[in-house]
């Protein structure tokens, strides 16, 4: 629970060999060739001719690169990459969807910014995730703009992104995250678990928060305190107070639980896919999804029945996925 104290007792991560971002991207592109993905670097002069004076002045896109992404001779879209100014106080990896792919009408566009050199394993991991999000966004097009655009926040998009980033990390043998970063991730995950339990308890409570009915809510302190102890190792006697830390608990509740479900589903897919299904077939089914299958239909082909929620939870435990 005392994350600051815990971090002070963990040694800092060892330094990794510095690599330029462009070189690291080339390694990623090479790892994706077995999936029939090809990357075409458009000459910088072509980009400069397309930028107007305001763009050059406002955004300083002197280091802009345009990468066209092809899959089996089909243009998926374009990725703009921007090298960040080394004088900035904080250098991070950031990605953003510019234009969604719509089959027969427009190809997608995505933008990724990053430091010129990657000096930390976390930067390498974040770049892999950002590129995975870009590729999934470009590949998952539809016949209508609204449907694929809405799908950017669905289970399918999140699971496909996690699977692709896992594939790339395996191919590149990326250094593991430091103990400090792992501790932070564990803390964030357990906080999400606890807040999900609080939100669920709040949804199930049918009373008011006044007079006698407030006492009914406060009686839930013991159960929530046990939940808190399961995550952080010590009880919280007034655990019901956690509801006041939400900005909008009625809207936020599912947002705490959903990433846990998506990660568990991804781990289950990785663990239980039969050997007869090739990586290329997984990519085509999970990411390209030419037949526009639903998530249930994808899961049925990848890991087989049963795939109802209760059965999936039992399979999570059997497959050894992280469960709290």
C-alpha atoms as a PDB file:
ATOM      1  CA  UNK A   1       0.000   0.000   0.000  1.00  0.00           C
ATOM      2  CA  UNK A   2       2.826   2.435   0.824  1.00  0.00           C
ATOM      3  CA  UNK A   3       4.094   2.526  -2.747  1.00  0.00           C
ATOM      4  CA  UNK A   4       6.600   5.321  -2.084  1.00  0.00           C
ATOM      5  CA  UNK A   5       8.292   3.363   0.698  1.00  0.00           C
ATOM      6  CA  UNK A   6       8.261   0.171  -1.363  1.00  0.00           C
ATOM      7  CA  UNK A   7       9.874   1.892  -4.352  1.00  0.00           C
ATOM      8  CA  UNK A   8      12.631   3.340  -2.185  1.00  0.00           C
ATOM      9  CA  UNK A   9      13.644  -0.213  -1.244  1.00  0.00           C
ATOM     10  CA  UNK A  10      13.889  -1.405  -4.856  1.00  0.00           C
ATOM     11  CA  UNK A  11      17.060  -0.827  -6.848  1.00  0.00           C
ATOM     12  CA  UNK A  12      16.898   1.201 -10.012  1.00  0.00           C
ATOM     13  CA  UNK A  13      16.833  -0.566 -13.354  1.00  0.00           C
ATOM     14  CA  UNK A  14      20.161  -1.405 -14.989  1.00  0.00           C
ATOM     15  CA  UNK A  15      21.020   0.609 -18.055  1.00  0.00           C
ATOM     16  CA  UNK A  16      20.361  -0.937 -21.450  1.00  0.00           C
ATOM     17  CA  UNK A  17      22.256  -0.377 -24.647  1.00  0.00           C
ATOM     18  CA  UNK A  18      21.021   2.823 -26.267  1.00  0.00           C
ATOM     19  CA  UNK A  19      19.480   2.372 -29.696  1.00  0.00           C
ATOM     20  CA  UNK A  20      18.110   4.937 -32.117  1.00  0.00           C
ATOM     21  CA  UNK A  21      14.359   4.792 -32.534  1.00  0.00           C
ATOM     22  CA  UNK A  22      14.648   4.415 -36.293  1.00  0.00           C
ATOM     23  CA  UNK A  23      16.867   1.341 -35.884  1.00  0.00           C
ATOM     24  CA  UNK A  24      14.470  -0.133 -33.328  1.00  0.00           C
ATOM     25  CA  UNK A  25      11.552   0.447 -35.695  1.00  0.00           C
ATOM     26  CA  UNK A  26      13.432  -1.401 -38.431  1.00  0.00           C
ATOM     27  CA  UNK A  27      13.810  -4.381 -36.087  1.00  0.00           C
ATOM     28  CA  UNK A  28      10.064  -4.302 -35.414  1.00  0.00           C
ATOM     29  CA  UNK A  29       9.255  -4.106 -39.124  1.00  0.00           C
ATOM     30  CA  UNK A  30      11.491  -7.107 -39.817  1.00  0.00           C
ATOM     31  CA  UNK A  31       9.746  -9.115 -37.086  1.00  0.00           C
ATOM     32  CA  UNK A  32       6.379  -8.437 -38.737  1.00  0.00           C
ATOM     33  CA  UNK A  33       7.360  -9.659 -42.205  1.00  0.00           C
ATOM     34  CA  UNK A  34       6.219 -13.262 -41.453  1.00  0.00           C
ATOM     35  CA  UNK A  35       2.712 -11.813 -40.987  1.00  0.00           C
ATOM     36  CA  UNK A  36       2.788 -10.508 -44.591  1.00  0.00           C
ATOM     37  CA  UNK A  37       3.195  -6.921 -43.407  1.00  0.00           C
ATOM     38  CA  UNK A  38       5.418  -4.591 -45.405  1.00  0.00           C
ATOM     39  CA  UNK A  39       6.456  -1.045 -44.562  1.00  0.00           C
ATOM     40  CA  UNK A  40       7.273   1.548 -47.212  1.00  0.00           C
ATOM     41  CA  UNK A  41       9.202   4.619 -46.108  1.00  0.00           C
ATOM     42  CA  UNK A  42       8.100   7.625 -48.155  1.00  0.00           C
ATOM     43  CA  UNK A  43      10.864  10.063 -49.030  1.00  0.00           C
ATOM     44  CA  UNK A  44      11.049  13.083 -46.742  1.00  0.00           C
ATOM     45  CA  UNK A  45      10.939  15.493 -49.685  1.00  0.00           C
ATOM     46  CA  UNK A  46       7.500  14.179 -50.617  1.00  0.00           C
ATOM     47  CA  UNK A  47       6.201  14.935 -47.144  1.00  0.00           C
ATOM     48  CA  UNK A  48       7.700  18.423 -47.085  1.00  0.00           C
ATOM     49  CA  UNK A  49       5.938  19.286 -50.334  1.00  0.00           C
ATOM     50  CA  UNK A  50       2.597  18.326 -48.791  1.00  0.00           C
ATOM     51  CA  UNK A  51       3.042  20.405 -45.632  1.00  0.00           C
ATOM     52  CA  UNK A  52       1.917  24.019 -45.694  1.00  0.00           C
ATOM     53  CA  UNK A  53       3.820  26.847 -44.045  1.00  0.00           C
ATOM     54  CA  UNK A  54       1.608  26.893 -40.949  1.00  0.00           C
ATOM     55  CA  UNK A  55       2.275  23.227 -40.281  1.00  0.00           C
ATOM     56  CA  UNK A  56       6.032  23.724 -40.514  1.00  0.00           C
ATOM     57  CA  UNK A  57       5.954  26.750 -38.240  1.00  0.00           C
ATOM     58  CA  UNK A  58       3.567  25.406 -35.620  1.00  0.00           C
ATOM     59  CA  UNK A  59       4.595  21.766 -35.337  1.00  0.00           C
ATOM     60  CA  UNK A  60       8.259  21.837 -36.402  1.00  0.00           C
ATOM     61  CA  UNK A  61       7.895  18.644 -38.416  1.00  0.00           C
ATOM     62  CA  UNK A  62      11.458  18.675 -39.722  1.00  0.00           C
ATOM     63  CA  UNK A  63      11.940  15.069 -38.615  1.00  0.00           C
ATOM     64  CA  UNK A  64       8.642  13.757 -39.938  1.00  0.00           C
ATOM     65  CA  UNK A  65       8.589  10.392 -41.654  1.00  0.00           C
ATOM     66  CA  UNK A  66       5.689   8.819 -43.483  1.00  0.00           C
ATOM     67  CA  UNK A  67       5.425   5.034 -43.440  1.00  0.00           C
ATOM     68  CA  UNK A  68       2.921   3.247 -45.640  1.00  0.00           C
ATOM     69  CA  UNK A  69       1.717  -0.076 -44.262  1.00  0.00           C
ATOM     70  CA  UNK A  70       0.852  -2.900 -46.661  1.00  0.00           C
ATOM     71  CA  UNK A  71      -0.696  -6.284 -45.951  1.00  0.00           C
ATOM     72  CA  UNK A  72      -0.746  -8.802 -48.800  1.00  0.00           C
ATOM     73  CA  UNK A  73      -0.591  -6.001 -51.408  1.00  0.00           C
ATOM     74  CA  UNK A  74      -3.426  -4.129 -49.703  1.00  0.00           C
ATOM     75  CA  UNK A  75      -2.703  -0.645 -48.395  1.00  0.00           C
ATOM     76  CA  UNK A  76      -3.792  -0.528 -44.756  1.00  0.00           C
ATOM     77  CA  UNK A  77      -2.878   3.107 -44.224  1.00  0.00           C
ATOM     78  CA  UNK A  78      -0.123   5.498 -43.246  1.00  0.00           C
ATOM     79  CA  UNK A  79       1.806   6.156 -40.056  1.00  0.00           C
ATOM     80  CA  UNK A  80       3.366   9.571 -39.443  1.00  0.00           C
ATOM     81  CA  UNK A  81       6.336   9.415 -37.076  1.00  0.00           C
ATOM     82  CA  UNK A  82       7.737  12.453 -35.278  1.00  0.00           C
ATOM     83  CA  UNK A  83      11.049  12.665 -33.433  1.00  0.00           C
ATOM     84  CA  UNK A  84      10.697  14.770 -30.299  1.00  0.00           C
ATOM     85  CA  UNK A  85      12.995  17.666 -29.531  1.00  0.00           C
ATOM     86  CA  UNK A  86      15.781  16.495 -27.218  1.00  0.00           C
ATOM     87  CA  UNK A  87      15.483  19.791 -25.302  1.00  0.00           C
ATOM     88  CA  UNK A  88      12.034  18.866 -24.023  1.00  0.00           C
ATOM     89  CA  UNK A  89      11.989  18.133 -20.260  1.00  0.00           C
ATOM     90  CA  UNK A  90      10.137  14.838 -20.736  1.00  0.00           C
ATOM     91  CA  UNK A  91      10.567  12.448 -23.657  1.00  0.00           C
ATOM     92  CA  UNK A  92       7.847   9.877 -24.056  1.00  0.00           C
ATOM     93  CA  UNK A  93       6.156   7.735 -26.692  1.00  0.00           C
ATOM     94  CA  UNK A  94       2.709   8.863 -27.771  1.00  0.00           C
ATOM     95  CA  UNK A  95       0.289   7.670 -30.450  1.00  0.00           C
ATOM     96  CA  UNK A  96      -2.914   9.076 -31.889  1.00  0.00           C
ATOM     97  CA  UNK A  97      -5.436   8.005 -34.522  1.00  0.00           C
ATOM     98  CA  UNK A  98      -5.842  10.640 -37.227  1.00  0.00           C
ATOM     99  CA  UNK A  99      -8.226   9.004 -39.685  1.00  0.00           C
ATOM    100  CA  UNK A 100     -10.047   5.677 -39.444  1.00  0.00           C
ATOM    101  CA  UNK A 101      -9.894   3.139 -42.288  1.00  0.00           C
ATOM    102  CA  UNK A 102     -13.152   2.761 -44.234  1.00  0.00           C
ATOM    103  CA  UNK A 103     -13.081   0.056 -46.901  1.00  0.00           C
ATOM    104  CA  UNK A 104     -13.581   1.503 -50.379  1.00  0.00           C
ATOM    105  CA  UNK A 105     -13.605   5.110 -49.162  1.00  0.00           C
ATOM    106  CA  UNK A 106     -10.447   6.005 -47.235  1.00  0.00           C
ATOM    107  CA  UNK A 107      -7.355   4.416 -45.759  1.00  0.00           C
ATOM    108  CA  UNK A 108      -6.410   5.115 -42.180  1.00  0.00           C
ATOM    109  CA  UNK A 109      -3.754   7.419 -40.776  1.00  0.00           C
ATOM    110  CA  UNK A 110      -1.983   7.266 -37.428  1.00  0.00           C
ATOM    111  CA  UNK A 111       0.659   9.439 -35.755  1.00  0.00           C
ATOM    112  CA  UNK A 112       3.391   8.325 -33.356  1.00  0.00           C
ATOM    113  CA  UNK A 113       5.878  10.616 -31.615  1.00  0.00           C
ATOM    114  CA  UNK A 114       8.966   9.409 -29.781  1.00  0.00           C
ATOM    115  CA  UNK A 115      12.463  10.432 -28.639  1.00  0.00           C
ATOM    116  CA  UNK A 116      15.275  10.040 -31.161  1.00  0.00           C
ATOM    117  CA  UNK A 117      17.024   7.494 -28.941  1.00  0.00           C
ATOM    118  CA  UNK A 118      15.607   4.815 -26.673  1.00  0.00           C
ATOM    119  CA  UNK A 119      17.569   4.685 -23.433  1.00  0.00           C
ATOM    120  CA  UNK A 120      15.122   2.729 -21.256  1.00  0.00           C
ATOM    121  CA  UNK A 121      13.372  -0.605 -21.608  1.00  0.00           C
ATOM    122  CA  UNK A 122      10.087   1.140 -20.802  1.00  0.00           C
ATOM    123  CA  UNK A 123      10.530   3.336 -23.892  1.00  0.00           C
ATOM    124  CA  UNK A 124      11.039   0.262 -26.060  1.00  0.00           C
ATOM    125  CA  UNK A 125       7.945  -1.389 -24.600  1.00  0.00           C
ATOM    126  CA  UNK A 126       5.828   1.736 -25.070  1.00  0.00           C
ATOM    127  CA  UNK A 127       6.943   2.086 -28.690  1.00  0.00           C
ATOM    128  CA  UNK A 128       5.958  -1.532 -29.368  1.00  0.00           C
ATOM    129  CA  UNK A 129       2.534  -0.933 -27.821  1.00  0.00           C
ATOM    130  CA  UNK A 130       2.034   2.326 -29.744  1.00  0.00           C
ATOM    131  CA  UNK A 131       2.939   0.692 -33.057  1.00  0.00           C
ATOM    132  CA  UNK A 132       0.683  -2.284 -32.264  1.00  0.00           C
ATOM    133  CA  UNK A 133      -2.209   0.090 -31.598  1.00  0.00           C
ATOM    134  CA  UNK A 134      -1.493   1.836 -34.885  1.00  0.00           C
ATOM    135  CA  UNK A 135      -1.431  -1.383 -36.913  1.00  0.00           C
ATOM    136  CA  UNK A 136      -4.627  -2.705 -35.330  1.00  0.00           C
ATOM    137  CA  UNK A 137      -6.372   0.627 -35.945  1.00  0.00           C
ATOM    138  CA  UNK A 138      -5.326   0.644 -39.606  1.00  0.00           C
ATOM    139  CA  UNK A 139      -6.179  -3.017 -40.197  1.00  0.00           C
ATOM    140  CA  UNK A 140      -9.602  -3.058 -38.554  1.00  0.00           C
ATOM    141  CA  UNK A 141     -11.517  -1.158 -41.201  1.00  0.00           C
ATOM    142  CA  UNK A 142     -15.192  -1.484 -42.043  1.00  0.00           C
ATOM    143  CA  UNK A 143     -17.730  -0.540 -44.683  1.00  0.00           C
ATOM    144  CA  UNK A 144     -18.988   2.432 -42.677  1.00  0.00           C
ATOM    145  CA  UNK A 145     -17.048   5.102 -40.795  1.00  0.00           C
ATOM    146  CA  UNK A 146     -19.018   4.975 -37.548  1.00  0.00           C
ATOM    147  CA  UNK A 147     -18.660   1.229 -36.936  1.00  0.00           C
ATOM    148  CA  UNK A 148     -14.850   0.907 -37.098  1.00  0.00           C
ATOM    149  CA  UNK A 149     -14.424   4.267 -35.384  1.00  0.00           C
ATOM    150  CA  UNK A 150     -16.620   3.102 -32.514  1.00  0.00           C
ATOM    151  CA  UNK A 151     -14.614  -0.103 -32.376  1.00  0.00           C
ATOM    152  CA  UNK A 152     -11.453   1.692 -31.254  1.00  0.00           C
ATOM    153  CA  UNK A 153     -12.470   1.150 -27.617  1.00  0.00           C
ATOM    154  CA  UNK A 154     -13.938  -2.326 -27.874  1.00  0.00           C
ATOM    155  CA  UNK A 155     -12.660  -5.597 -26.470  1.00  0.00           C
ATOM    156  CA  UNK A 156     -11.617  -6.718 -29.946  1.00  0.00           C
ATOM    157  CA  UNK A 157      -9.297  -3.749 -30.474  1.00  0.00           C
ATOM    158  CA  UNK A 158      -7.702  -4.012 -27.026  1.00  0.00           C
ATOM    159  CA  UNK A 159      -7.174  -7.779 -27.216  1.00  0.00           C
ATOM    160  CA  UNK A 160      -5.749  -7.589 -30.742  1.00  0.00           C
ATOM    161  CA  UNK A 161      -3.319  -4.861 -29.641  1.00  0.00           C
ATOM    162  CA  UNK A 162      -2.131  -6.849 -26.623  1.00  0.00           C
ATOM    163  CA  UNK A 163      -1.650 -10.000 -28.685  1.00  0.00           C
ATOM    164  CA  UNK A 164       0.356  -8.170 -31.370  1.00  0.00           C
ATOM    165  CA  UNK A 165       2.585  -6.390 -28.855  1.00  0.00           C
ATOM    166  CA  UNK A 166       3.221  -9.751 -27.139  1.00  0.00           C
ATOM    167  CA  UNK A 167       4.212 -11.254 -30.503  1.00  0.00           C
ATOM    168  CA  UNK A 168       6.648  -8.419 -31.260  1.00  0.00           C
ATOM    169  CA  UNK A 169       8.256  -8.595 -27.810  1.00  0.00           C
ATOM    170  CA  UNK A 170       8.818 -12.315 -28.259  1.00  0.00           C
ATOM    171  CA  UNK A 171      10.386 -11.846 -31.678  1.00  0.00           C
ATOM    172  CA  UNK A 172      12.739  -9.074 -30.523  1.00  0.00           C
ATOM    173  CA  UNK A 173      13.549 -10.563 -27.117  1.00  0.00           C
ATOM    174  CA  UNK A 174      12.987  -7.145 -25.538  1.00  0.00           C
ATOM    175  CA  UNK A 175      14.633  -6.642 -22.103  1.00  0.00           C
ATOM    176  CA  UNK A 176      12.285  -7.182 -19.181  1.00  0.00           C
ATOM    177  CA  UNK A 177      10.948  -4.217 -17.284  1.00  0.00           C
ATOM    178  CA  UNK A 178      12.827  -3.186 -14.156  1.00  0.00           C
ATOM    179  CA  UNK A 179      11.715  -4.348 -10.719  1.00  0.00           C
ATOM    180  CA  UNK A 180      10.637  -0.786  -9.916  1.00  0.00           C
ATOM    181  CA  UNK A 181       8.410  -0.573 -12.980  1.00  0.00           C
ATOM    182  CA  UNK A 182       6.971  -4.035 -12.313  1.00  0.00           C
ATOM    183  CA  UNK A 183       6.129  -2.943  -8.773  1.00  0.00           C
ATOM    184  CA  UNK A 184       4.358   0.145 -10.106  1.00  0.00           C
ATOM    185  CA  UNK A 185       2.406  -1.979 -12.582  1.00  0.00           C
ATOM    186  CA  UNK A 186       1.392  -4.412  -9.832  1.00  0.00           C
ATOM    187  CA  UNK A 187       0.262  -1.530  -7.645  1.00  0.00           C
ATOM    188  CA  UNK A 188      -1.805  -0.021 -10.462  1.00  0.00           C
ATOM    189  CA  UNK A 189      -3.343  -3.381 -11.281  1.00  0.00           C
ATOM    190  CA  UNK A 190      -4.296  -4.116  -7.677  1.00  0.00           C
ATOM    191  CA  UNK A 191      -5.724  -0.622  -7.298  1.00  0.00           C
ATOM    192  CA  UNK A 192      -7.845  -1.277 -10.377  1.00  0.00           C
ATOM    193  CA  UNK A 193      -8.959  -4.602  -8.876  1.00  0.00           C
ATOM    194  CA  UNK A 194      -9.955  -3.002  -5.573  1.00  0.00           C
ATOM    195  CA  UNK A 195     -11.735  -0.070  -7.206  1.00  0.00           C
ATOM    196  CA  UNK A 196     -13.623  -2.522  -9.423  1.00  0.00           C
ATOM    197  CA  UNK A 197     -14.838  -4.361  -6.311  1.00  0.00           C
ATOM    198  CA  UNK A 198     -15.884  -1.079  -4.696  1.00  0.00           C
ATOM    199  CA  UNK A 199     -17.788  -0.064  -7.825  1.00  0.00           C
ATOM    200  CA  UNK A 200     -19.546  -3.441  -7.974  1.00  0.00           C
ATOM    201  CA  UNK A 201     -20.532  -3.169  -4.306  1.00  0.00           C
ATOM    202  CA  UNK A 202     -21.844   0.345  -4.961  1.00  0.00           C
ATOM    203  CA  UNK A 203     -23.938  -0.833  -7.930  1.00  0.00           C
ATOM    204  CA  UNK A 204     -25.444  -3.639  -5.850  1.00  0.00           C
ATOM    205  CA  UNK A 205     -26.350  -1.306  -2.975  1.00  0.00           C
ATOM    206  CA  UNK A 206     -30.000  -0.272  -3.331  1.00  0.00           C
ATOM    207  CA  UNK A 207     -30.291   2.050  -0.364  1.00  0.00           C
ATOM    208  CA  UNK A 208     -29.659   5.726   0.197  1.00  0.00           C
ATOM    209  CA  UNK A 209     -26.762   7.467   1.942  1.00  0.00           C
ATOM    210  CA  UNK A 210     -28.857   9.219   4.571  1.00  0.00           C
ATOM    211  CA  UNK A 211     -29.808   8.419   8.155  1.00  0.00           C
ATOM    212  CA  UNK A 212     -30.347   4.699   8.837  1.00  0.00           C
ATOM    213  CA  UNK A 213     -29.680   3.567   5.279  1.00  0.00           C
ATOM    214  CA  UNK A 214     -26.204   5.052   5.556  1.00  0.00           C
ATOM    215  CA  UNK A 215     -25.492   2.580   8.349  1.00  0.00           C
ATOM    216  CA  UNK A 216     -26.359  -0.255   5.957  1.00  0.00           C
ATOM    217  CA  UNK A 217     -23.713   1.028   3.544  1.00  0.00           C
ATOM    218  CA  UNK A 218     -21.143   1.437   6.330  1.00  0.00           C
ATOM    219  CA  UNK A 219     -21.699  -2.190   7.311  1.00  0.00           C
ATOM    220  CA  UNK A 220     -19.956  -3.115   4.062  1.00  0.00           C
ATOM    221  CA  UNK A 221     -16.685  -1.770   5.500  1.00  0.00           C
ATOM    222  CA  UNK A 222     -15.631  -5.190   6.725  1.00  0.00           C
ATOM    223  CA  UNK A 223     -16.048  -6.940   3.357  1.00  0.00           C
ATOM    224  CA  UNK A 224     -14.332  -4.141   1.435  1.00  0.00           C
ATOM    225  CA  UNK A 225     -11.560  -4.007   4.032  1.00  0.00           C
ATOM    226  CA  UNK A 226     -10.880  -7.694   3.372  1.00  0.00           C
ATOM    227  CA  UNK A 227     -10.825  -6.974  -0.374  1.00  0.00           C
ATOM    228  CA  UNK A 228      -8.312  -4.199   0.244  1.00  0.00           C
ATOM    229  CA  UNK A 229      -6.145  -6.490   2.351  1.00  0.00           C
ATOM    230  CA  UNK A 230      -6.143  -9.139  -0.380  1.00  0.00           C
ATOM    231  CA  UNK A 231      -4.651  -6.589  -2.768  1.00  0.00           C
ATOM    232  CA  UNK A 232      -2.318  -4.597  -0.515  1.00  0.00           C
ATOM    233  CA  UNK A 233      -1.566  -6.787   2.490  1.00  0.00           C
ATOM    234  CA  UNK A 234      -3.251  -4.747   5.199  1.00  0.00           C
ATOM    235  CA  UNK A 235      -6.878  -3.881   6.051  1.00  0.00           C
ATOM    236  CA  UNK A 236      -8.589  -0.540   5.541  1.00  0.00           C
ATOM    237  CA  UNK A 237     -11.231  -0.138   8.291  1.00  0.00           C
ATOM    238  CA  UNK A 238     -13.063   2.644   6.420  1.00  0.00           C
ATOM    239  CA  UNK A 239     -12.863   1.105   2.962  1.00  0.00           C
ATOM    240  CA  UNK A 240     -16.336   2.357   1.985  1.00  0.00           C
ATOM    241  CA  UNK A 241     -14.826   5.861   1.852  1.00  0.00           C
ATOM    242  CA  UNK A 242     -13.194   4.807  -1.418  1.00  0.00           C
ATOM    243  CA  UNK A 243     -16.369   5.724  -3.325  1.00  0.00           C
ATOM    244  CA  UNK A 244     -15.580   9.402  -2.745  1.00  0.00           C
ATOM    245  CA  UNK A 245     -12.334   9.114  -4.717  1.00  0.00           C
ATOM    246  CA  UNK A 246     -14.194   8.421  -7.977  1.00  0.00           C
ATOM    247  CA  UNK A 247     -14.892  11.311 -10.305  1.00  0.00           C
ATOM    248  CA  UNK A 248     -18.099   9.636 -11.504  1.00  0.00           C
ATOM    249  CA  UNK A 249     -18.495   6.162 -10.058  1.00  0.00           C
ATOM    250  CA  UNK A 250     -21.533   5.330 -12.205  1.00  0.00           C
ATOM    251  CA  UNK A 251     -19.424   5.816 -15.343  1.00  0.00           C
ATOM    252  CA  UNK A 252     -15.982   4.800 -14.120  1.00  0.00           C
ATOM    253  CA  UNK A 253     -16.776   1.414 -12.622  1.00  0.00           C
ATOM    254  CA  UNK A 254     -16.576  -0.662 -15.796  1.00  0.00           C
ATOM    255  CA  UNK A 255     -13.449   1.216 -16.896  1.00  0.00           C
ATOM    256  CA  UNK A 256     -11.568  -0.265 -13.935  1.00  0.00           C
ATOM    257  CA  UNK A 257     -12.690  -3.835 -14.558  1.00  0.00           C
ATOM    258  CA  UNK A 258     -12.639  -3.991 -18.363  1.00  0.00           C
ATOM    259  CA  UNK A 259      -8.821  -3.834 -18.829  1.00  0.00           C
ATOM    260  CA  UNK A 260      -8.441  -6.740 -16.378  1.00  0.00           C
ATOM    261  CA  UNK A 261     -10.898  -8.805 -18.414  1.00  0.00           C
ATOM    262  CA  UNK A 262      -9.195  -7.905 -21.706  1.00  0.00           C
ATOM    263  CA  UNK A 263      -5.741  -8.834 -20.390  1.00  0.00           C
ATOM    264  CA  UNK A 264      -7.003 -12.156 -19.028  1.00  0.00           C
ATOM    265  CA  UNK A 265      -8.653 -12.963 -22.381  1.00  0.00           C
ATOM    266  CA  UNK A 266      -5.428 -12.154 -24.234  1.00  0.00           C
ATOM    267  CA  UNK A 267      -3.418 -14.394 -21.903  1.00  0.00           C
ATOM    268  CA  UNK A 268      -5.953 -17.181 -22.408  1.00  0.00           C
ATOM    269  CA  UNK A 269      -5.679 -16.871 -26.190  1.00  0.00           C
ATOM    270  CA  UNK A 270      -1.875 -17.013 -26.007  1.00  0.00           C
ATOM    271  CA  UNK A 271      -1.959 -20.022 -23.667  1.00  0.00           C
ATOM    272  CA  UNK A 272      -4.657 -22.150 -25.311  1.00  0.00           C
ATOM    273  CA  UNK A 273      -4.377 -21.618 -29.077  1.00  0.00           C
ATOM    274  CA  UNK A 274      -3.737 -25.017 -30.717  1.00  0.00           C
ATOM    275  CA  UNK A 275      -0.368 -25.501 -32.424  1.00  0.00           C
ATOM    276  CA  UNK A 276      -2.147 -26.223 -35.708  1.00  0.00           C
ATOM    277  CA  UNK A 277      -3.190 -22.546 -35.920  1.00  0.00           C
ATOM    278  CA  UNK A 278      -0.283 -20.528 -37.323  1.00  0.00           C
ATOM    279  CA  UNK A 279       0.706 -17.067 -36.151  1.00  0.00           C
ATOM    280  CA  UNK A 280      -0.277 -15.682 -39.545  1.00  0.00           C
ATOM    281  CA  UNK A 281      -3.756 -17.193 -39.195  1.00  0.00           C
ATOM    282  CA  UNK A 282      -4.120 -15.671 -35.732  1.00  0.00           C
ATOM    283  CA  UNK A 283      -3.131 -12.271 -37.121  1.00  0.00           C
ATOM    284  CA  UNK A 284      -5.611 -12.515 -39.986  1.00  0.00           C
ATOM    285  CA  UNK A 285      -8.426 -13.639 -37.705  1.00  0.00           C
ATOM    286  CA  UNK A 286      -7.817 -11.423 -34.683  1.00  0.00           C
ATOM    287  CA  UNK A 287      -6.512  -8.234 -36.287  1.00  0.00           C
ATOM    288  CA  UNK A 288      -7.425  -8.070 -39.981  1.00  0.00           C
ATOM    289  CA  UNK A 289     -10.759  -9.832 -39.356  1.00  0.00           C
ATOM    290  CA  UNK A 290     -11.828  -9.587 -42.985  1.00  0.00           C
ATOM    291  CA  UNK A 291     -15.139 -11.347 -42.286  1.00  0.00           C
ATOM    292  CA  UNK A 292     -15.973  -8.868 -39.500  1.00  0.00           C
ATOM    293  CA  UNK A 293     -16.470 -11.648 -36.952  1.00  0.00           C
ATOM    294  CA  UNK A 294     -17.671 -10.828 -33.460  1.00  0.00           C
ATOM    295  CA  UNK A 295     -15.372 -11.436 -30.499  1.00  0.00           C
ATOM    296  CA  UNK A 296     -17.322 -14.577 -29.561  1.00  0.00           C
ATOM    297  CA  UNK A 297     -16.892 -15.944 -33.092  1.00  0.00           C
ATOM    298  CA  UNK A 298     -13.172 -15.166 -32.997  1.00  0.00           C
ATOM    299  CA  UNK A 299     -12.750 -16.868 -29.622  1.00  0.00           C
ATOM    300  CA  UNK A 300     -14.651 -19.932 -30.819  1.00  0.00           C
ATOM    301  CA  UNK A 301     -12.238 -20.366 -33.733  1.00  0.00           C
ATOM    302  CA  UNK A 302      -9.127 -19.605 -31.679  1.00  0.00           C
ATOM    303  CA  UNK A 303      -9.658 -21.456 -28.393  1.00  0.00           C
ATOM    304  CA  UNK A 304     -12.898 -23.380 -28.917  1.00  0.00           C
ATOM    305  CA  UNK A 305     -16.016 -23.680 -26.793  1.00  0.00           C
ATOM    306  CA  UNK A 306     -17.186 -22.962 -24.129  1.00  0.00           C
ATOM    307  CA  UNK A 307     -16.764 -19.183 -24.170  1.00  0.00           C
ATOM    308  CA  UNK A 308     -19.535 -17.925 -21.908  1.00  0.00           C
ATOM    309  CA  UNK A 309     -18.269 -15.640 -19.090  1.00  0.00           C
ATOM    310  CA  UNK A 310     -18.421 -18.271 -16.326  1.00  0.00           C
ATOM    311  CA  UNK A 311     -16.602 -20.840 -18.457  1.00  0.00           C
ATOM    312  CA  UNK A 312     -13.966 -18.293 -19.460  1.00  0.00           C
ATOM    313  CA  UNK A 313     -13.273 -17.481 -15.805  1.00  0.00           C
ATOM    314  CA  UNK A 314     -12.763 -21.179 -15.065  1.00  0.00           C
ATOM    315  CA  UNK A 315     -10.455 -21.426 -18.085  1.00  0.00           C
ATOM    316  CA  UNK A 316      -8.487 -18.387 -16.886  1.00  0.00           C
ATOM    317  CA  UNK A 317      -7.635 -20.236 -13.685  1.00  0.00           C
ATOM    318  CA  UNK A 318      -6.815 -23.467 -15.490  1.00  0.00           C
ATOM    319  CA  UNK A 319      -4.528 -21.671 -17.963  1.00  0.00           C
ATOM    320  CA  UNK A 320      -2.688 -19.866 -15.184  1.00  0.00           C
ATOM    321  CA  UNK A 321      -3.663 -16.340 -16.222  1.00  0.00           C
ATOM    322  CA  UNK A 322      -3.461 -13.610 -13.615  1.00  0.00           C
ATOM    323  CA  UNK A 323      -6.533 -13.652 -11.390  1.00  0.00           C
ATOM    324  CA  UNK A 324      -7.130 -11.538  -8.319  1.00  0.00           C
END
